[in-house]
Amino acid sequence: MLSAGSAQGFGVYVAIEKVTGTLHRRRGSFVLHHTGIIERSGPQLTIAVAPDSGTDQLSGLTGIMTIQVANGKHSYVFDYSLPS
């Protein structure tokens, strides 16, 4: 993860992570790339599957991940698609 920010409240980060496991009964791995920005208009976050990064049974995986915050707890929602 790389990040930078200022005392005025600006901030940005980028990160890459490899995920290995089972998704919808299919085994393999894929890469997620993160981009987070904090600016005056508010925070923006993008977490997406890197194109063509799916391996084995997850080949062709596409998707985005969002973070939901409720009652001070964070949870992730992964909206994805796998080829038939």
C-alpha atoms as a PDB file:
ATOM      1  CA  MET A   1       0.000   0.000   0.000  1.00  0.00           C
ATOM      2  CA  LEU A   2       1.218   3.498  -0.828  1.00  0.00           C
ATOM      3  CA  SER A   3      -0.377   6.590   0.653  1.00  0.00           C
ATOM      4  CA  ALA A   4       0.078  10.345   0.863  1.00  0.00           C
ATOM      5  CA  GLY A   5      -1.810  13.137   2.555  1.00  0.00           C
ATOM      6  CA  SER A   6      -1.716  16.661   3.880  1.00  0.00           C
ATOM      7  CA  ALA A   7      -2.558  18.525   7.073  1.00  0.00           C
ATOM      8  CA  GLN A   8      -5.433  20.138   5.151  1.00  0.00           C
ATOM      9  CA  GLY A   9      -7.268  16.789   4.957  1.00  0.00           C
ATOM     10  CA  PHE A  10      -6.317  15.600   1.478  1.00  0.00           C
ATOM     11  CA  GLY A  11      -5.347  11.959   1.203  1.00  0.00           C
ATOM     12  CA  VAL A  12      -4.853   9.252  -1.380  1.00  0.00           C
ATOM     13  CA  TYR A  13      -3.865   5.596  -1.301  1.00  0.00           C
ATOM     14  CA  VAL A  14      -3.325   2.785  -3.765  1.00  0.00           C
ATOM     15  CA  ALA A  15      -2.968  -0.889  -2.974  1.00  0.00           C
ATOM     16  CA  ILE A  16      -2.800  -4.256  -4.693  1.00  0.00           C
ATOM     17  CA  GLU A  17      -3.728  -7.550  -3.073  1.00  0.00           C
ATOM     18  CA  LYS A  18      -3.848 -11.129  -4.279  1.00  0.00           C
ATOM     19  CA  VAL A  19      -6.825 -13.196  -3.108  1.00  0.00           C
ATOM     20  CA  THR A  20      -6.647 -17.001  -3.152  1.00  0.00           C
ATOM     21  CA  GLY A  21      -9.564 -19.240  -2.255  1.00  0.00           C
ATOM     22  CA  THR A  22     -12.994 -20.428  -3.289  1.00  0.00           C
ATOM     23  CA  LEU A  23     -15.696 -18.203  -4.767  1.00  0.00           C
ATOM     24  CA  HIS A  24     -19.086 -19.662  -5.712  1.00  0.00           C
ATOM     25  CA  ARG A  25     -17.605 -23.181  -5.417  1.00  0.00           C
ATOM     26  CA  ARG A  26     -14.719 -22.330  -7.778  1.00  0.00           C
ATOM     27  CA  ARG A  27     -11.082 -22.354  -6.677  1.00  0.00           C
ATOM     28  CA  GLY A  28      -8.361 -20.008  -7.859  1.00  0.00           C
ATOM     29  CA  SER A  29      -6.924 -16.573  -7.262  1.00  0.00           C
ATOM     30  CA  PHE A  30      -7.352 -13.020  -8.489  1.00  0.00           C
ATOM     31  CA  VAL A  31      -5.919  -9.558  -7.881  1.00  0.00           C
ATOM     32  CA  LEU A  32      -7.787  -6.583  -6.421  1.00  0.00           C
ATOM     33  CA  HIS A  33      -6.600  -3.012  -6.978  1.00  0.00           C
ATOM     34  CA  HIS A  34      -7.628  -0.227  -4.599  1.00  0.00           C
ATOM     35  CA  THR A  35      -7.749   3.519  -5.124  1.00  0.00           C
ATOM     36  CA  GLY A  36      -8.908   5.726  -2.272  1.00  0.00           C
ATOM     37  CA  ILE A  37      -9.154   9.515  -2.318  1.00  0.00           C
ATOM     38  CA  ILE A  38     -10.220  11.945   0.392  1.00  0.00           C
ATOM     39  CA  GLU A  39     -10.993  15.479  -0.727  1.00  0.00           C
ATOM     40  CA  ARG A  40     -13.322  18.329   0.225  1.00  0.00           C
ATOM     41  CA  SER A  41     -16.296  16.742  -1.549  1.00  0.00           C
ATOM     42  CA  GLY A  42     -15.835  13.564   0.513  1.00  0.00           C
ATOM     43  CA  PRO A  43     -14.152  10.179   0.244  1.00  0.00           C
ATOM     44  CA  GLN A  44     -14.109   8.043  -2.890  1.00  0.00           C
ATOM     45  CA  LEU A  45     -13.083   4.394  -2.925  1.00  0.00           C
ATOM     46  CA  THR A  46     -12.680   2.007  -5.825  1.00  0.00           C
ATOM     47  CA  ILE A  47     -11.780  -1.654  -5.339  1.00  0.00           C
ATOM     48  CA  ALA A  48     -11.903  -3.728  -8.522  1.00  0.00           C
ATOM     49  CA  VAL A  49     -10.700  -7.040  -9.894  1.00  0.00           C
ATOM     50  CA  ALA A  50      -7.649  -6.437 -12.073  1.00  0.00           C
ATOM     51  CA  PRO A  51      -8.496  -7.405 -15.667  1.00  0.00           C
ATOM     52  CA  ASP A  52      -7.545 -10.967 -16.635  1.00  0.00           C
ATOM     53  CA  SER A  53      -6.088 -11.676 -13.175  1.00  0.00           C
ATOM     54  CA  GLY A  54      -8.339 -14.667 -12.391  1.00  0.00           C
ATOM     55  CA  THR A  55      -6.593 -18.047 -12.364  1.00  0.00           C
ATOM     56  CA  ASP A  56      -7.752 -21.663 -12.544  1.00  0.00           C
ATOM     57  CA  GLN A  57     -11.542 -21.900 -12.074  1.00  0.00           C
ATOM     58  CA  LEU A  58     -11.754 -18.126 -11.473  1.00  0.00           C
ATOM     59  CA  SER A  59     -10.430 -17.289 -14.935  1.00  0.00           C
ATOM     60  CA  GLY A  60     -12.566 -14.548 -16.489  1.00  0.00           C
ATOM     61  CA  LEU A  61     -13.697 -13.146 -13.132  1.00  0.00           C
ATOM     62  CA  THR A  62     -14.744  -9.482 -13.152  1.00  0.00           C
ATOM     63  CA  GLY A  63     -16.124  -7.401 -10.318  1.00  0.00           C
ATOM     64  CA  ILE A  64     -16.028  -4.519  -7.890  1.00  0.00           C
ATOM     65  CA  MET A  65     -16.039  -4.408  -4.109  1.00  0.00           C
ATOM     66  CA  THR A  66     -17.637  -1.783  -1.910  1.00  0.00           C
ATOM     67  CA  ILE A  67     -17.364  -1.139   1.814  1.00  0.00           C
ATOM     68  CA  GLN A  68     -20.484  -0.493   3.847  1.00  0.00           C
ATOM     69  CA  VAL A  69     -20.344   1.110   7.273  1.00  0.00           C
ATOM     70  CA  ALA A  70     -23.270   0.584   9.651  1.00  0.00           C
ATOM     71  CA  ASN A  71     -23.263   1.170  13.398  1.00  0.00           C
ATOM     72  CA  GLY A  72     -19.484   1.642  13.338  1.00  0.00           C
ATOM     73  CA  LYS A  73     -18.863  -1.756  11.695  1.00  0.00           C
ATOM     74  CA  HIS A  74     -17.371  -2.247   8.245  1.00  0.00           C
ATOM     75  CA  SER A  75     -18.483  -4.973   5.850  1.00  0.00           C
ATOM     76  CA  TYR A  76     -17.619  -5.721   2.236  1.00  0.00           C
ATOM     77  CA  VAL A  77     -19.973  -6.357  -0.676  1.00  0.00           C
ATOM     78  CA  PHE A  78     -18.440  -8.096  -3.702  1.00  0.00           C
ATOM     79  CA  ASP A  79     -20.443  -7.688  -6.913  1.00  0.00           C
ATOM     80  CA  TYR A  80     -18.838 -10.116  -9.352  1.00  0.00           C
ATOM     81  CA  SER A  81     -19.418 -12.116 -12.502  1.00  0.00           C
ATOM     82  CA  LEU A  82     -17.959 -15.456 -13.568  1.00  0.00           C
ATOM     83  CA  PRO A  83     -18.209 -16.957 -17.034  1.00  0.00           C
ATOM     84  CA  SER A  84     -20.500 -19.990 -17.366  1.00  0.00           C
END
